[in-house]
C-alpha atoms as a PDB file:
ATOM      1  CA  UNK A   1       0.000   0.000   0.000  1.00  0.00           C
ATOM      2  CA  UNK A   2       1.260   3.460  -0.914  1.00  0.00           C
ATOM      3  CA  UNK A   3       0.377   6.533   1.125  1.00  0.00           C
ATOM      4  CA  UNK A   4       1.114  10.171   0.427  1.00  0.00           C
ATOM      5  CA  UNK A   5       1.875  13.393   2.240  1.00  0.00           C
ATOM      6  CA  UNK A   6       0.430  16.312   0.285  1.00  0.00           C
ATOM      7  CA  UNK A   7       1.036  19.989   0.962  1.00  0.00           C
ATOM      8  CA  UNK A   8       0.785  23.427  -0.595  1.00  0.00           C
ATOM      9  CA  UNK A   9      -2.913  24.036  -1.090  1.00  0.00           C
ATOM     10  CA  UNK A  10      -4.666  27.135   0.122  1.00  0.00           C
ATOM     11  CA  UNK A  11      -6.367  30.364  -0.828  1.00  0.00           C
ATOM     12  CA  UNK A  12      -4.857  32.549  -3.542  1.00  0.00           C
ATOM     13  CA  UNK A  13      -6.063  35.539  -5.534  1.00  0.00           C
ATOM     14  CA  UNK A  14      -6.672  35.296  -9.296  1.00  0.00           C
ATOM     15  CA  UNK A  15      -3.361  35.567 -11.123  1.00  0.00           C
ATOM     16  CA  UNK A  16      -1.459  34.212  -8.148  1.00  0.00           C
ATOM     17  CA  UNK A  17       0.678  31.093  -7.778  1.00  0.00           C
ATOM     18  CA  UNK A  18       0.763  27.990  -5.610  1.00  0.00           C
ATOM     19  CA  UNK A  19       3.131  25.043  -5.393  1.00  0.00           C
ATOM     20  CA  UNK A  20       1.733  21.629  -4.515  1.00  0.00           C
ATOM     21  CA  UNK A  21       4.045  18.917  -3.206  1.00  0.00           C
ATOM     22  CA  UNK A  22       3.480  15.205  -2.709  1.00  0.00           C
ATOM     23  CA  UNK A  23       5.761  12.595  -1.207  1.00  0.00           C
ATOM     24  CA  UNK A  24       5.000   8.882  -1.474  1.00  0.00           C
ATOM     25  CA  UNK A  25       5.773   6.403   1.308  1.00  0.00           C
ATOM     26  CA  UNK A  26       7.313   3.899  -1.077  1.00  0.00           C
ATOM     27  CA  UNK A  27       7.798   3.286  -4.752  1.00  0.00           C
ATOM     28  CA  UNK A  28       6.654   0.231  -6.647  1.00  0.00           C
ATOM     29  CA  UNK A  29       8.775  -2.019  -8.804  1.00  0.00           C
ATOM     30  CA  UNK A  30       8.829  -1.161 -12.467  1.00  0.00           C
ATOM     31  CA  UNK A  31       7.708   1.924 -14.323  1.00  0.00           C
ATOM     32  CA  UNK A  32       5.068   4.189 -12.839  1.00  0.00           C
ATOM     33  CA  UNK A  33       3.803   7.715 -13.142  1.00  0.00           C
ATOM     34  CA  UNK A  34       3.073  10.315 -10.501  1.00  0.00           C
ATOM     35  CA  UNK A  35       0.961  13.367 -10.909  1.00  0.00           C
ATOM     36  CA  UNK A  36      -1.989  15.479  -9.881  1.00  0.00           C
ATOM     37  CA  UNK A  37      -5.699  15.260 -10.560  1.00  0.00           C
ATOM     38  CA  UNK A  38      -8.400  17.660  -9.435  1.00  0.00           C
ATOM     39  CA  UNK A  39     -12.089  17.553  -8.677  1.00  0.00           C
ATOM     40  CA  UNK A  40     -14.308  20.612  -8.499  1.00  0.00           C
ATOM     41  CA  UNK A  41     -17.733  20.493  -6.827  1.00  0.00           C
ATOM     42  CA  UNK A  42     -20.251  18.705  -9.032  1.00  0.00           C
ATOM     43  CA  UNK A  43     -17.625  17.668 -11.565  1.00  0.00           C
ATOM     44  CA  UNK A  44     -15.666  14.513 -12.303  1.00  0.00           C
ATOM     45  CA  UNK A  45     -12.074  14.081 -11.236  1.00  0.00           C
ATOM     46  CA  UNK A  46      -9.730  15.063 -14.069  1.00  0.00           C
ATOM     47  CA  UNK A  47      -6.048  14.882 -14.855  1.00  0.00           C
ATOM     48  CA  UNK A  48      -4.027  18.042 -14.317  1.00  0.00           C
ATOM     49  CA  UNK A  49      -0.512  16.784 -15.037  1.00  0.00           C
ATOM     50  CA  UNK A  50       1.584  13.653 -14.665  1.00  0.00           C
ATOM     51  CA  UNK A  51       5.159  12.528 -15.171  1.00  0.00           C
ATOM     52  CA  UNK A  52       6.560   9.048 -15.740  1.00  0.00           C
ATOM     53  CA  UNK A  53       9.745   7.672 -14.246  1.00  0.00           C
ATOM     54  CA  UNK A  54      11.323   8.323 -17.650  1.00  0.00           C
ATOM     55  CA  UNK A  55      10.428  11.995 -17.504  1.00  0.00           C
ATOM     56  CA  UNK A  56       7.558  11.995 -19.978  1.00  0.00           C
ATOM     57  CA  UNK A  57       4.921  14.580 -19.057  1.00  0.00           C
ATOM     58  CA  UNK A  58       1.232  14.842 -19.778  1.00  0.00           C
ATOM     59  CA  UNK A  59      -0.744  18.044 -19.200  1.00  0.00           C
ATOM     60  CA  UNK A  60      -4.454  18.720 -19.462  1.00  0.00           C
ATOM     61  CA  UNK A  61      -5.463  21.160 -22.191  1.00  0.00           C
ATOM     62  CA  UNK A  62      -6.767  23.657 -19.637  1.00  0.00           C
ATOM     63  CA  UNK A  63      -3.259  24.056 -18.188  1.00  0.00           C
ATOM     64  CA  UNK A  64      -2.288  26.160 -21.235  1.00  0.00           C
ATOM     65  CA  UNK A  65       1.336  26.441 -20.134  1.00  0.00           C
ATOM     66  CA  UNK A  66       0.514  27.840 -16.688  1.00  0.00           C
ATOM     67  CA  UNK A  67       1.532  24.795 -14.623  1.00  0.00           C
ATOM     68  CA  UNK A  68       4.826  22.893 -14.393  1.00  0.00           C
ATOM     69  CA  UNK A  69       5.171  19.388 -12.989  1.00  0.00           C
ATOM     70  CA  UNK A  70       8.490  18.225 -11.605  1.00  0.00           C
ATOM     71  CA  UNK A  71       9.935  15.423  -9.537  1.00  0.00           C
ATOM     72  CA  UNK A  72      12.632  15.966  -6.899  1.00  0.00           C
ATOM     73  CA  UNK A  73      13.306  12.260  -6.722  1.00  0.00           C
ATOM     74  CA  UNK A  74      11.506   8.999  -7.288  1.00  0.00           C
ATOM     75  CA  UNK A  75       9.280   9.545  -4.241  1.00  0.00           C
ATOM     76  CA  UNK A  76       8.166  13.156  -4.782  1.00  0.00           C
ATOM     77  CA  UNK A  77       6.194  15.135  -7.300  1.00  0.00           C
ATOM     78  CA  UNK A  78       5.546  18.875  -7.358  1.00  0.00           C
ATOM     79  CA  UNK A  79       3.133  21.065  -9.279  1.00  0.00           C
ATOM     80  CA  UNK A  80       3.904  24.753  -9.699  1.00  0.00           C
ATOM     81  CA  UNK A  81       0.721  26.568 -10.663  1.00  0.00           C
ATOM     82  CA  UNK A  82       0.970  30.090 -12.051  1.00  0.00           C
ATOM     83  CA  UNK A  83      -1.658  32.565 -13.228  1.00  0.00           C
ATOM     84  CA  UNK A  84      -4.393  30.747 -11.351  1.00  0.00           C
ATOM     85  CA  UNK A  85      -8.001  31.334 -12.363  1.00  0.00           C
ATOM     86  CA  UNK A  86     -11.166  30.980 -10.260  1.00  0.00           C
ATOM     87  CA  UNK A  87     -11.978  27.939 -12.450  1.00  0.00           C
ATOM     88  CA  UNK A  88      -8.909  26.239 -10.996  1.00  0.00           C
ATOM     89  CA  UNK A  89     -10.667  26.009  -7.630  1.00  0.00           C
ATOM     90  CA  UNK A  90     -10.858  22.316  -6.709  1.00  0.00           C
ATOM     91  CA  UNK A  91      -9.508  19.605  -4.474  1.00  0.00           C
ATOM     92  CA  UNK A  92      -6.188  18.476  -5.929  1.00  0.00           C
ATOM     93  CA  UNK A  93      -5.198  14.830  -5.480  1.00  0.00           C
ATOM     94  CA  UNK A  94      -1.767  13.306  -5.714  1.00  0.00           C
ATOM     95  CA  UNK A  95      -1.765  10.143  -7.820  1.00  0.00           C
ATOM     96  CA  UNK A  96       0.535   7.232  -8.529  1.00  0.00           C
ATOM     97  CA  UNK A  97      -0.246   4.811 -11.349  1.00  0.00           C
ATOM     98  CA  UNK A  98       1.486   1.507 -11.907  1.00  0.00           C
ATOM     99  CA  UNK A  99       0.683  -1.197 -14.420  1.00  0.00           C
ATOM    100  CA  UNK A 100      -1.825  -2.745 -12.040  1.00  0.00           C
ATOM    101  CA  UNK A 101      -2.648  -0.197  -9.334  1.00  0.00           C
ATOM    102  CA  UNK A 102      -3.913   3.353  -8.969  1.00  0.00           C
ATOM    103  CA  UNK A 103      -3.112   5.098  -5.673  1.00  0.00           C
ATOM    104  CA  UNK A 104      -4.616   8.351  -4.412  1.00  0.00           C
ATOM    105  CA  UNK A 105      -3.718  10.928  -1.814  1.00  0.00           C
ATOM    106  CA  UNK A 106      -6.254  12.499   0.534  1.00  0.00           C
ATOM    107  CA  UNK A 107      -6.427  15.713  -1.471  1.00  0.00           C
ATOM    108  CA  UNK A 108      -5.579  19.331  -0.785  1.00  0.00           C
ATOM    109  CA  UNK A 109      -7.961  22.237  -1.342  1.00  0.00           C
ATOM    110  CA  UNK A 110      -7.010  24.996  -3.768  1.00  0.00           C
ATOM    111  CA  UNK A 111      -9.275  28.043  -3.766  1.00  0.00           C
ATOM    112  CA  UNK A 112      -8.771  30.899  -6.214  1.00  0.00           C
ATOM    113  CA  UNK A 113     -10.796  33.909  -5.174  1.00  0.00           C
ATOM    114  CA  UNK A 114     -10.473  37.626  -4.630  1.00  0.00           C
END
């Protein structure tokens, strides 16, 4: 079982920035990806960005170059979010995907409001 420590959510004004961080308790054997999903009230959970162990990245279309995903090491993933919009308000979940498992963090709230 993999658990996560997530940090960095909070309240920010439109146009502001936040940095989300996630550290996993362990890493699985083989290739895997780590990243962030989000879920706004009344909407489905959606991918924000992810990165594989080989450094391949995947960003949602709505990111539009505003967010950058990075990994400090094999256990950690970060998401730098710039130029935040009110539509970015959601609970952001850290995620790890292996060939056979999908692990989720508890989520951290991001609120973009003036």
